[in-house]
Amino acid sequence: MTVPKHSYKDIAAKKVKLRNAKFNAKWLVPEDQLPSPDTKDVLNWIESSGNLTDKELKITGSIAETILDNIKTKEWTAYDVASAFCHRASIAHQLTNCLTEVFFDEALERATELDKYYEDTGKLVGPLHGLPISLKDNFNIKGKATTVGIVNFCFNPEYFEEDAVLVKLLREQGAVFYVKTNVPVAMMMPESINHIWGNTTNPMNRLLSSGGSSGGEAALIKLKGSVIGVGSDIGGSIRIPASFQNLYAIRPTFGRFPTYGARSGLPGLESVNSVNGPLTNTLEDLELYCKSVLACEPWLHDGKCIEIPWRKVQIPEKLNIAICGDDLITRPTPPVRRGISIIKEALIKDGHDVIDWEPIDHLRLAQICTSFFLSDGGVHITKETDATGETLFPYMTNYGTSPELKVSELWKLHAERTTLIKKYLDRWLASGSLTKNGKPIDAIIMPTTPFAGNPNGKYHDSVAYTSPFNLLDYSVGIFPVTRANKDLDPVDDSSSNYTPTDTKIWRDYNPEESHGGAVALQIIGRKFQEEKVIEMLKVITKLINYSD
């Protein structure tokens, strides 16, 4: 079904009205009792507001393993847990505008079924029995819509008839689905804003963006409206939002987790693959998710999954870590540079070997990645936006102006990409000549973006800290370090003037505006090293000992 052209505002309004009708009024805070719009930090507002019961606070403040254990021992029912997260997610949405599809009634019905099954049989449905899991909007759920921020997809189709493979596997393990979360148009912007649902803000500082494209997911998780959420990443879409909310996250190598059945913003693009992975408040939840998904043997359900079960790995007692504090494309703002200094000092103090890493080929890798995004000349996106007269956001204008690449040009980029992948691997393995023990580096640590959360609408056009690793297809983790502090992070006297974007970012930085924003970094392992990345994150977590 193609909707009438030039009616995108009416279509979007109808969709939002339908979504809003699915909220439970008793779970919503009256407008006059919400924090004022000029209240920046709402991170602890839910706890202090008195809107949740003590039991709801305890449930939503627990890690996934505790929730599952308490359901198993019948301390809590699956219904108790689902109800608590539906309630908290409702308030999180009021604070940040993070939700798209809402289906609380179905979640409670499913939780009731799980409780009855457990009562009748004495058995759990699976290892995730009763655990609520939130999903980025692109995951198809049977009976639900998937808009991915495109107005023409609001009712086209009105709902999907099958679960995405990942959804199916999690459901069979006993997971309960209750919400989907906001994204940018076609999931191709680094801020989660679109003409249907609007903008999702950052609960750590609502003057700042929640990031994109998994921004709604990150905001919801940070406010503990979800214990585990799933996002996707084709140029930084898991890592950027996770870093903007000081979460833990994994961007896995393609083929580790199933992707079949999710709706894409650029269907058919395989020059650079989209992957999905978890975002969580704790490292324990991150690992539990990874183990749970791979226990389902997803390679038997998605033909592009690789048969690699979760492995037990042992990392060296002392790691070889390369640090790249500046990609020489966009200089990190002062809070992020302070975060780099904190982790570098902590690693050295703990006896790890730390070397500098030059961002060789990062610019070219980022340029190629962008060329892949635009290789169809924006045909897919503009076809869908033109269908309703939907206007493109400034960051999306390239999709309406870029020429379509010839096959020969695309093949040439593929060949160059492959050469750069080999060159990067060779440099990684040759790093043993720079380390004290003569062994190659275990990982690279670097910023995720130049910001501690960018001001709303001012991300500009740089994803060069993240997109190179999409082309390399490396395993990457995100970890929190600290928060921006106006007293510790003054403005730089001058711009480094690497690029026009670099200068814009320098001009935009305001210590007062960014105060309280998240400072998180990425740790990069090689392909299919998700287990090793998590083990290294355990070491880092102990060294940093971060808390909000």
Protein backbone atom coordinates (compact mmCIF):
# COMPACT_ATOMS: atom_id res chain seq x y z
CA MET A 1 0.00 0.00 0.00
CA THR A 2 1.35 3.43 -0.96
CA VAL A 3 -0.09 6.27 1.06
CA PRO A 4 -1.16 9.55 -0.59
CA LYS A 5 1.68 11.94 -1.36
CA HIS A 6 2.22 15.17 0.57
CA SER A 7 0.39 13.89 3.64
CA TYR A 8 3.29 12.80 5.82
CA LYS A 9 2.32 15.00 8.76
CA ASP A 10 -1.21 13.58 8.89
CA ILE A 11 0.07 10.02 8.59
CA ALA A 12 2.60 10.57 11.36
CA ALA A 13 0.00 12.19 13.61
CA LYS A 14 -2.33 9.20 13.14
CA LYS A 15 0.47 6.79 14.00
CA VAL A 16 1.44 8.68 17.15
CA LYS A 17 -2.20 8.85 18.27
CA LEU A 18 -2.51 5.08 17.96
CA ARG A 19 0.72 4.57 19.91
CA ASN A 20 -0.32 6.97 22.66
CA ALA A 21 -3.63 5.16 23.12
CA LYS A 22 -1.72 2.05 24.14
CA PHE A 23 -0.15 3.63 27.22
CA ASN A 24 -1.70 2.70 30.54
CA ALA A 25 -2.92 5.96 32.09
CA LYS A 26 -2.21 4.77 35.63
CA TRP A 27 1.47 4.37 34.76
CA LEU A 28 1.86 7.90 33.38
CA VAL A 29 2.95 10.84 35.51
CA PRO A 30 0.66 13.90 35.24
CA GLU A 31 2.30 16.55 33.07
CA ASP A 32 2.42 19.09 35.89
CA GLN A 33 4.34 16.63 38.08
CA LEU A 34 7.09 15.92 35.56
CA PRO A 35 10.42 17.75 35.85
CA SER A 36 10.40 21.10 34.07
CA PRO A 37 11.77 21.19 30.51
CA ASP A 38 14.86 23.08 31.73
CA THR A 39 15.77 20.22 34.10
CA LYS A 40 18.74 18.72 32.30
CA ASP A 41 19.69 15.68 34.37
CA VAL A 42 16.75 13.31 34.97
CA LEU A 43 18.86 10.23 35.58
CA ASN A 44 17.65 9.66 39.14
CA TRP A 45 14.28 11.36 38.85
CA ILE A 46 12.26 8.14 38.64
CA GLU A 47 13.74 6.81 41.90
CA SER A 48 13.10 10.05 43.75
CA SER A 49 9.66 10.82 42.30
CA GLY A 50 7.71 8.25 44.31
CA ASN A 51 5.88 6.99 41.21
CA LEU A 52 7.18 3.43 41.47
CA THR A 53 6.58 1.13 44.40
CA ASP A 54 9.52 -0.23 46.38
CA LYS A 55 9.01 -3.58 44.68
CA GLU A 56 9.00 -2.02 41.22
CA LEU A 57 12.18 -0.13 42.02
CA LYS A 58 13.85 -3.30 43.25
CA ILE A 59 12.83 -5.27 40.17
CA THR A 60 13.89 -2.63 37.65
CA GLY A 61 17.10 -1.93 39.55
CA SER A 62 18.22 -5.57 39.39
CA ILE A 63 20.53 -7.23 36.89
CA ALA A 64 19.04 -9.83 34.55
CA GLU A 65 20.45 -12.80 36.45
CA THR A 66 18.79 -11.64 39.68
CA ILE A 67 15.48 -11.17 37.90
CA LEU A 68 15.65 -14.65 36.41
CA ASP A 69 16.67 -16.22 39.72
CA ASN A 70 13.81 -14.52 41.57
CA ILE A 71 11.30 -15.70 38.99
CA LYS A 72 12.68 -19.22 39.32
CA THR A 73 12.41 -19.16 43.12
CA LYS A 74 8.94 -17.55 42.85
CA GLU A 75 10.06 -14.48 44.78
CA TRP A 76 8.63 -12.57 41.80
CA THR A 77 6.25 -13.63 39.07
CA ALA A 78 6.88 -12.94 35.42
CA TYR A 79 3.81 -10.69 35.63
CA ASP A 80 5.38 -8.69 38.49
CA VAL A 81 8.50 -8.17 36.40
CA ALA A 82 6.73 -7.28 33.17
CA SER A 83 4.42 -4.85 34.94
CA ALA A 84 7.34 -3.10 36.68
CA PHE A 85 9.26 -2.60 33.43
CA CYS A 86 6.16 -1.46 31.53
CA HIS A 87 5.53 1.11 34.25
CA ARG A 88 9.12 2.34 34.32
CA ALA A 89 9.37 2.42 30.51
CA SER A 90 6.27 4.62 30.40
CA ILE A 91 7.92 7.22 32.63
CA ALA A 92 11.24 6.93 30.80
CA HIS A 93 9.35 7.79 27.63
CA GLN A 94 7.79 10.83 29.26
CA LEU A 95 11.27 12.03 30.20
CA THR A 96 13.08 11.36 26.91
CA ASN A 97 10.58 10.42 24.15
CA CYS A 98 12.22 7.04 23.56
CA LEU A 99 9.42 4.63 22.55
CA THR A 100 7.81 3.85 19.20
CA GLU A 101 5.68 0.69 19.38
CA VAL A 102 4.04 0.02 22.76
CA PHE A 103 2.37 -3.31 23.51
CA PHE A 104 2.09 -3.60 27.26
CA ASP A 105 -1.15 -5.60 27.19
CA GLU A 106 0.44 -8.33 25.09
CA ALA A 107 3.50 -8.37 27.35
CA LEU A 108 1.37 -8.84 30.46
CA GLU A 109 -0.64 -11.55 28.71
CA ARG A 110 2.56 -13.37 27.78
CA ALA A 111 3.91 -13.02 31.33
CA THR A 112 0.67 -14.49 32.68
CA GLU A 113 1.04 -17.45 30.30
CA LEU A 114 4.61 -18.00 31.49
CA ASP A 115 3.52 -17.94 35.13
CA LYS A 116 0.74 -20.45 34.46
CA TYR A 117 3.10 -22.73 32.55
CA TYR A 118 5.57 -22.65 35.43
CA GLU A 119 2.84 -23.27 37.97
CA ASP A 120 1.33 -26.16 36.01
CA THR A 121 4.52 -27.94 34.95
CA GLY A 122 7.15 -26.86 37.45
CA LYS A 123 9.37 -26.07 34.47
CA LEU A 124 10.64 -22.84 32.96
CA VAL A 125 10.02 -22.19 29.26
CA GLY A 126 13.71 -21.44 28.82
CA PRO A 127 16.70 -19.69 30.38
CA LEU A 128 15.19 -16.22 29.78
CA HIS A 129 11.80 -17.15 31.26
CA GLY A 130 10.01 -13.91 32.10
CA LEU A 131 12.84 -11.51 31.25
CA PRO A 132 11.62 -8.33 29.51
CA ILE A 133 13.80 -7.35 26.55
CA SER A 134 13.38 -4.12 24.60
CA LEU A 135 14.11 -3.87 20.89
CA LYS A 136 15.21 -1.17 18.50
CA ASP A 137 12.41 -0.32 16.10
CA ASN A 138 13.92 -2.23 13.15
CA PHE A 139 13.27 -5.69 14.64
CA ASN A 140 10.12 -7.18 13.16
CA ILE A 141 7.72 -8.58 15.74
CA LYS A 142 4.72 -10.59 14.66
CA GLY A 143 1.62 -8.39 14.80
CA LYS A 144 3.56 -5.12 15.14
CA ALA A 145 4.65 -2.37 12.78
CA THR A 146 8.24 -1.48 11.95
CA THR A 147 8.60 2.12 10.78
CA VAL A 148 12.37 2.69 11.12
CA GLY A 149 11.54 6.39 11.23
CA ILE A 150 10.07 6.51 7.70
CA VAL A 151 6.53 7.92 7.47
CA ASN A 152 5.64 5.71 4.49
CA PHE A 153 6.27 2.68 6.71
CA CYS A 154 3.74 3.71 9.39
CA PHE A 155 1.05 1.49 7.84
CA ASN A 156 3.05 -0.15 5.07
CA PRO A 157 2.57 -2.86 6.13
CA GLU A 158 0.32 -2.17 9.10
CA TYR A 159 2.01 -5.08 10.89
CA PHE A 160 4.42 -7.93 10.16
CA GLU A 161 3.32 -11.54 10.09
CA GLU A 162 6.56 -13.11 11.33
CA ASP A 163 9.13 -12.48 14.02
CA ALA A 164 12.68 -11.66 13.00
CA VAL A 165 14.94 -14.65 13.68
CA LEU A 166 16.48 -13.03 16.75
CA VAL A 167 13.03 -12.20 18.15
CA LYS A 168 11.87 -15.76 17.54
CA LEU A 169 14.87 -17.25 19.34
CA LEU A 170 14.61 -14.91 22.32
CA ARG A 171 10.87 -15.56 22.56
CA GLU A 172 11.47 -19.32 22.61
CA GLN A 173 13.88 -18.82 25.50
CA GLY A 174 11.12 -17.10 27.47
CA ALA A 175 11.81 -13.41 26.82
CA VAL A 176 8.92 -10.96 27.10
CA PHE A 177 8.67 -8.13 24.54
CA TYR A 178 6.87 -4.95 25.49
CA VAL A 179 8.30 -1.95 23.56
CA LYS A 180 10.28 -0.91 20.53
CA THR A 181 12.43 2.20 20.57
CA ASN A 182 13.13 5.30 18.52
CA VAL A 183 15.57 5.68 15.63
CA PRO A 184 16.42 8.33 13.01
CA VAL A 185 15.03 8.21 9.47
CA ALA A 186 16.05 4.87 7.93
CA MET A 187 18.47 4.52 10.86
CA MET A 188 21.03 6.54 8.90
CA MET A 189 21.66 9.53 11.18
CA PRO A 190 23.67 9.72 14.41
CA GLU A 191 20.74 11.33 16.28
CA SER A 192 17.40 9.65 16.91
CA ILE A 193 14.96 12.07 15.34
CA ASN A 194 12.33 11.54 12.65
CA HIS A 195 9.05 13.02 11.41
CA ILE A 196 6.92 10.39 13.14
CA TRP A 197 8.11 10.16 16.72
CA GLY A 198 10.27 13.28 17.07
CA ASN A 199 13.58 13.53 18.93
CA THR A 200 14.85 11.33 21.75
CA THR A 201 16.88 13.23 24.33
CA ASN A 202 19.61 12.10 26.69
CA PRO A 203 18.54 11.45 30.30
CA MET A 204 22.00 12.39 31.59
CA ASN A 205 21.55 15.85 30.07
CA ARG A 206 18.47 16.57 27.98
CA LEU A 207 20.25 19.35 26.10
CA LEU A 208 22.25 16.56 24.50
CA SER A 209 21.30 13.94 21.93
CA SER A 210 20.70 10.32 22.84
CA GLY A 211 22.69 9.45 19.71
CA GLY A 212 21.75 7.28 16.79
CA SER A 213 20.60 5.17 15.45
CA SER A 214 19.85 3.07 18.56
CA GLY A 215 19.20 6.23 20.59
CA GLY A 216 15.76 5.33 21.91
CA GLU A 217 17.13 2.03 23.13
CA ALA A 218 20.03 3.68 24.94
CA ALA A 219 17.85 6.29 26.64
CA LEU A 220 15.38 3.65 27.83
CA ILE A 221 18.11 1.41 29.22
CA LYS A 222 19.87 4.27 30.99
CA LEU A 223 16.63 5.06 32.84
CA LYS A 224 16.28 1.35 33.66
CA GLY A 225 13.10 1.02 31.66
CA SER A 226 14.83 -2.05 30.23
CA VAL A 227 17.47 -4.38 31.60
CA ILE A 228 18.70 -5.60 28.19
CA GLY A 229 18.04 -3.90 24.88
CA VAL A 230 19.05 -4.84 21.35
CA GLY A 231 20.31 -2.35 18.79
CA SER A 232 21.95 -2.49 15.38
CA ASP A 233 25.13 -0.99 13.98
CA ILE A 234 26.21 -0.26 10.40
CA GLY A 235 28.37 2.81 11.04
CA GLY A 236 28.29 3.25 14.81
CA SER A 237 24.60 2.89 15.60
CA ILE A 238 25.07 0.76 18.73
CA ARG A 239 28.30 2.35 19.89
CA ILE A 240 27.39 6.03 19.55
CA PRO A 241 24.16 5.86 21.64
CA ALA A 242 25.79 3.53 24.18
CA SER A 243 28.67 5.96 24.59
CA PHE A 244 26.29 8.93 24.93
CA GLN A 245 24.53 7.23 27.87
CA ASN A 246 27.58 5.59 29.51
CA LEU A 247 26.35 2.07 28.83
CA TYR A 248 28.06 -1.19 28.01
CA ALA A 249 27.54 -2.52 24.49
CA ILE A 250 28.93 -4.88 21.89
CA ARG A 251 29.23 -4.34 18.16
CA PRO A 252 29.89 -7.94 17.04
CA THR A 253 31.43 -9.22 13.85
CA PHE A 254 28.84 -9.91 11.16
CA GLY A 255 27.57 -13.48 11.37
CA ARG A 256 27.87 -13.86 15.14
CA PHE A 257 24.27 -12.91 15.90
CA PRO A 258 21.28 -13.43 13.56
CA THR A 259 20.09 -10.51 11.47
CA TYR A 260 17.51 -12.13 9.20
CA GLY A 261 14.01 -10.67 9.40
CA ALA A 262 14.93 -7.23 10.64
CA ARG A 263 13.81 -4.26 8.53
CA SER A 264 16.66 -2.33 6.98
CA GLY A 265 16.91 1.34 6.14
CA LEU A 266 19.00 0.31 3.12
CA PRO A 267 17.82 -3.20 2.17
CA GLY A 268 20.27 -5.07 -0.03
CA LEU A 269 23.31 -3.08 1.05
CA GLU A 270 26.00 -5.67 1.76
CA SER A 271 29.14 -3.68 0.95
CA VAL A 272 29.12 -2.97 4.67
CA ASN A 273 26.93 -5.18 6.82
CA SER A 274 24.58 -4.16 9.58
CA VAL A 275 24.95 -6.18 12.78
CA ASN A 276 22.93 -6.30 15.97
CA GLY A 277 24.05 -6.47 19.57
CA PRO A 278 23.12 -5.71 23.18
CA LEU A 279 23.16 -2.47 25.17
CA THR A 280 23.06 -2.77 28.98
CA ASN A 281 23.80 -0.96 32.22
CA THR A 282 26.07 -3.75 33.44
CA LEU A 283 28.74 -5.99 32.01
CA GLU A 284 27.03 -9.03 33.58
CA ASP A 285 23.90 -8.39 31.50
CA LEU A 286 25.98 -7.93 28.36
CA GLU A 287 27.63 -11.31 28.76
CA LEU A 288 24.39 -13.06 29.71
CA TYR A 289 22.75 -11.84 26.50
CA CYS A 290 25.62 -12.99 24.29
CA LYS A 291 25.70 -16.44 25.86
CA SER A 292 21.91 -16.78 25.65
CA VAL A 293 21.68 -15.92 21.96
CA LEU A 294 24.51 -18.25 20.95
CA ALA A 295 23.04 -21.05 23.07
CA CYS A 296 20.14 -20.99 20.57
CA GLU A 297 22.52 -22.05 17.78
CA PRO A 298 21.46 -19.18 15.50
CA TRP A 299 23.44 -20.66 12.61
CA LEU A 300 20.62 -23.19 12.29
CA HIS A 301 18.10 -20.36 11.82
CA ASP A 302 19.94 -17.69 9.83
CA GLY A 303 21.97 -18.80 6.84
CA LYS A 304 24.45 -15.96 7.30
CA CYS A 305 25.34 -16.86 10.89
CA ILE A 306 28.68 -18.54 11.54
CA GLU A 307 28.76 -21.67 13.70
CA ILE A 308 30.79 -20.30 16.60
CA PRO A 309 29.37 -21.17 20.04
CA TRP A 310 30.27 -18.95 22.98
CA ARG A 311 33.84 -19.80 23.95
CA LYS A 312 35.76 -19.55 27.18
CA VAL A 313 38.88 -17.48 26.53
CA GLN A 314 41.80 -16.61 28.73
CA ILE A 315 43.42 -13.24 28.29
CA PRO A 316 46.95 -12.32 29.39
CA GLU A 317 47.33 -11.13 32.96
CA LYS A 318 48.85 -7.96 31.56
CA LEU A 319 47.42 -6.67 28.32
CA ASN A 320 49.05 -4.94 25.38
CA ILE A 321 46.80 -1.98 24.65
CA ALA A 322 47.15 0.59 21.89
CA ILE A 323 45.51 3.97 22.50
CA CYS A 324 44.44 6.37 19.78
CA GLY A 325 43.30 9.57 21.46
CA ASP A 326 42.67 11.58 18.29
CA ASP A 327 41.84 10.37 14.78
CA LEU A 328 43.21 13.61 13.26
CA ILE A 329 39.86 14.11 11.50
CA THR A 330 37.81 15.57 14.34
CA ARG A 331 39.58 16.35 17.60
CA PRO A 332 37.74 15.04 20.66
CA THR A 333 36.23 17.67 22.92
CA PRO A 334 37.91 18.17 26.34
CA PRO A 335 35.74 15.71 28.33
CA VAL A 336 36.56 12.87 25.93
CA ARG A 337 40.27 13.64 26.00
CA ARG A 338 40.11 13.58 29.79
CA GLY A 339 38.45 10.16 29.55
CA ILE A 340 41.34 8.91 27.42
CA SER A 341 43.81 10.19 30.00
CA ILE A 342 41.92 8.43 32.81
CA ILE A 343 41.99 5.02 31.14
CA LYS A 344 45.58 5.38 29.96
CA GLU A 345 46.79 6.26 33.46
CA ALA A 346 44.77 3.42 35.01
CA LEU A 347 46.14 0.82 32.59
CA ILE A 348 49.74 1.91 33.06
CA LYS A 349 49.37 1.99 36.84
CA ASP A 350 48.03 -1.58 36.75
CA GLY A 351 51.05 -2.76 34.80
CA HIS A 352 49.59 -3.12 31.33
CA ASP A 353 51.72 -2.20 28.32
CA VAL A 354 50.26 0.87 26.63
CA ILE A 355 51.45 2.11 23.25
CA ASP A 356 50.23 4.86 20.92
CA TRP A 357 48.22 3.95 17.84
CA GLU A 358 48.27 6.06 14.72
CA PRO A 359 44.93 6.42 12.88
CA ILE A 360 46.46 5.36 9.57
CA ASP A 361 43.81 4.84 6.87
CA HIS A 362 40.94 5.78 9.22
CA LEU A 363 39.91 8.70 7.03
CA ARG A 364 39.88 6.60 3.87
CA LEU A 365 37.99 3.77 5.57
CA ALA A 366 35.37 6.26 6.78
CA GLN A 367 35.09 7.79 3.30
CA ILE A 368 34.57 4.39 1.69
CA CYS A 369 31.93 3.49 4.26
CA THR A 370 30.02 6.68 3.44
CA SER A 371 30.31 5.91 -0.27
CA PHE A 372 28.74 2.51 0.36
CA PHE A 373 25.84 4.14 2.23
CA LEU A 374 25.19 6.39 -0.77
CA SER A 375 26.03 3.87 -3.48
CA ASP A 376 22.42 3.54 -4.71
CA GLY A 377 22.28 7.31 -5.14
CA GLY A 378 19.76 7.52 -2.31
CA VAL A 379 17.16 5.80 -4.51
CA HIS A 380 15.67 3.64 -1.76
CA ILE A 381 15.33 6.36 0.86
CA THR A 382 14.08 9.07 -1.50
CA LYS A 383 11.53 6.67 -3.01
CA GLU A 384 10.03 6.09 0.43
CA THR A 385 10.17 9.72 1.55
CA ASP A 386 8.81 11.03 -1.76
CA ALA A 387 5.82 8.70 -1.43
CA THR A 388 4.42 10.91 1.33
CA GLY A 389 6.21 14.20 0.65
CA GLU A 390 8.39 13.65 3.72
CA THR A 391 11.23 16.17 3.83
CA LEU A 392 14.82 15.12 4.45
CA PHE A 393 16.63 16.30 7.56
CA PRO A 394 19.80 18.33 6.85
CA TYR A 395 22.01 15.36 7.70
CA MET A 396 20.14 13.32 5.07
CA THR A 397 20.51 15.70 2.12
CA ASN A 398 23.24 13.54 0.54
CA TYR A 399 20.63 10.85 -0.02
CA GLY A 400 18.81 13.20 -2.36
CA THR A 401 21.83 14.57 -4.21
CA SER A 402 24.44 11.80 -4.55
CA PRO A 403 24.87 10.02 -7.89
CA GLU A 404 24.31 6.29 -8.11
CA LEU A 405 27.59 4.38 -8.37
CA LYS A 406 28.26 2.26 -11.42
CA VAL A 407 28.94 -1.41 -10.71
CA SER A 408 32.53 -0.95 -11.86
CA GLU A 409 32.98 1.92 -9.39
CA LEU A 410 31.47 -0.12 -6.58
CA TRP A 411 33.72 -3.08 -7.34
CA LYS A 412 36.72 -0.76 -7.30
CA LEU A 413 35.75 0.42 -3.80
CA HIS A 414 35.30 -3.20 -2.69
CA ALA A 415 38.81 -3.98 -3.88
CA GLU A 416 40.26 -0.96 -2.11
CA ARG A 417 38.40 -1.88 1.08
CA THR A 418 39.82 -5.41 0.96
CA THR A 419 43.34 -4.06 0.53
CA LEU A 420 42.89 -1.73 3.50
CA ILE A 421 41.55 -4.59 5.65
CA LYS A 422 44.69 -6.61 4.94
CA LYS A 423 46.91 -3.60 5.56
CA TYR A 424 45.24 -2.94 8.94
CA LEU A 425 45.58 -6.58 9.99
CA ASP A 426 49.25 -6.58 9.05
CA ARG A 427 49.86 -3.43 11.08
CA TRP A 428 48.01 -4.94 14.06
CA LEU A 429 50.12 -8.11 13.96
CA ALA A 430 53.32 -6.12 13.47
CA SER A 431 52.63 -4.12 16.63
CA GLY A 432 54.67 -6.69 18.54
CA SER A 433 57.72 -4.70 17.51
CA LEU A 434 56.42 -1.87 19.71
CA THR A 435 55.37 -3.82 22.82
CA LYS A 436 57.56 -4.86 25.73
CA ASN A 437 56.85 -8.58 25.41
CA GLY A 438 57.11 -8.66 21.63
CA LYS A 439 53.50 -9.82 21.20
CA PRO A 440 50.91 -7.92 19.16
CA ILE A 441 48.41 -5.66 20.82
CA ASP A 442 45.31 -7.22 22.37
CA ALA A 443 43.09 -4.23 21.62
CA ILE A 444 42.84 -0.59 20.63
CA ILE A 445 41.11 1.94 22.86
CA MET A 446 39.85 5.17 21.35
CA PRO A 447 36.95 7.63 21.51
CA THR A 448 33.59 6.64 20.08
CA THR A 449 32.78 10.18 18.99
CA PRO A 450 34.33 13.60 19.61
CA PHE A 451 31.56 14.38 22.12
CA ALA A 452 30.35 13.63 25.61
CA GLY A 453 26.96 13.58 23.93
CA ASN A 454 26.52 16.21 21.22
CA PRO A 455 24.11 19.12 21.60
CA ASN A 456 20.76 18.26 20.01
CA GLY A 457 20.94 18.83 16.28
CA LYS A 458 24.70 19.41 16.20
CA TYR A 459 26.31 16.07 15.50
CA HIS A 460 27.38 17.30 12.07
CA ASP A 461 28.76 14.69 9.66
CA SER A 462 31.50 12.70 11.38
CA VAL A 463 31.33 9.00 12.23
CA ALA A 464 35.02 8.46 11.54
CA TYR A 465 35.71 7.07 15.02
CA THR A 466 33.26 4.22 14.49
CA SER A 467 32.69 3.49 10.78
CA PRO A 468 36.24 2.26 10.00
CA PHE A 469 35.59 -0.72 12.26
CA ASN A 470 32.38 -1.54 10.38
CA LEU A 471 34.46 -1.95 7.23
CA LEU A 472 37.11 -3.92 9.13
CA ASP A 473 34.24 -5.88 10.77
CA TYR A 474 35.99 -5.97 14.13
CA SER A 475 34.46 -6.82 17.50
CA VAL A 476 34.04 -3.64 19.52
CA GLY A 477 32.89 -2.99 23.09
CA ILE A 478 31.76 0.24 24.75
CA PHE A 479 32.55 1.08 28.36
CA PRO A 480 31.84 4.12 30.58
CA VAL A 481 34.67 6.16 32.09
CA THR A 482 33.34 9.38 33.62
CA ARG A 483 31.01 12.33 33.03
CA ALA A 484 31.68 15.74 31.52
CA ASN A 485 32.45 18.37 34.12
CA LYS A 486 32.32 22.09 33.35
CA ASP A 487 35.05 22.78 35.91
CA LEU A 488 37.43 20.12 34.58
CA ASP A 489 36.75 20.44 30.86
CA PRO A 490 37.26 24.06 29.76
CA VAL A 491 37.04 25.19 26.14
CA ASP A 492 40.14 24.82 23.99
CA ASP A 493 41.69 28.17 23.09
CA SER A 494 41.70 27.31 19.41
CA SER A 495 40.51 24.68 16.97
CA SER A 496 42.86 22.09 15.55
CA ASN A 497 41.25 22.93 12.17
CA TYR A 498 41.61 19.41 10.79
CA THR A 499 38.44 19.80 8.74
CA PRO A 500 35.45 22.18 8.54
CA THR A 501 33.50 19.68 10.67
CA ASP A 502 36.27 19.68 13.25
CA THR A 503 36.05 23.47 13.49
CA LYS A 504 32.25 23.34 13.86
CA ILE A 505 32.57 20.88 16.74
CA TRP A 506 35.11 23.12 18.46
CA ARG A 507 32.79 26.13 18.09
CA ASP A 508 29.79 24.18 19.41
CA TYR A 509 31.49 22.90 22.56
CA ASN A 510 30.15 24.61 25.67
CA PRO A 511 31.26 23.20 29.07
CA GLU A 512 28.06 24.38 30.75
CA GLU A 513 25.85 22.83 28.09
CA SER A 514 27.77 19.51 28.09
CA HIS A 515 28.03 19.26 31.89
CA GLY A 516 26.99 15.81 33.06
CA GLY A 517 27.24 14.25 29.61
CA ALA A 518 28.64 10.76 29.23
CA VAL A 519 32.28 9.98 28.58
CA ALA A 520 32.56 6.44 27.26
CA LEU A 521 35.18 4.86 25.02
CA GLN A 522 35.40 1.91 22.66
CA ILE A 523 37.72 -1.07 22.95
CA ILE A 524 38.41 -2.76 19.65
CA GLY A 525 39.34 -6.40 19.18
CA ARG A 526 39.77 -8.27 15.93
CA LYS A 527 37.12 -10.27 14.07
CA PHE A 528 35.00 -12.70 16.11
CA GLN A 529 36.69 -11.71 19.38
CA GLU A 530 33.50 -10.87 21.27
CA GLU A 531 34.52 -13.13 24.18
CA LYS A 532 37.94 -11.54 24.42
CA VAL A 533 36.45 -8.05 24.28
CA ILE A 534 34.15 -8.87 27.20
CA GLU A 535 37.04 -10.33 29.22
CA MET A 536 39.05 -7.18 28.60
CA LEU A 537 36.04 -5.09 29.61
CA LYS A 538 36.02 -6.94 32.94
CA VAL A 539 39.61 -5.81 33.55
CA ILE A 540 38.79 -2.22 32.59
CA THR A 541 35.61 -2.13 34.66
CA LYS A 542 37.58 -2.99 37.80
CA LEU A 543 40.17 -0.32 37.04
CA ILE A 544 37.69 2.46 36.33
CA ASN A 545 34.99 1.49 38.87
CA TYR A 546 32.53 3.85 37.18
CA SER A 547 29.22 4.81 38.72
CA ASP A 548 26.78 7.57 37.83
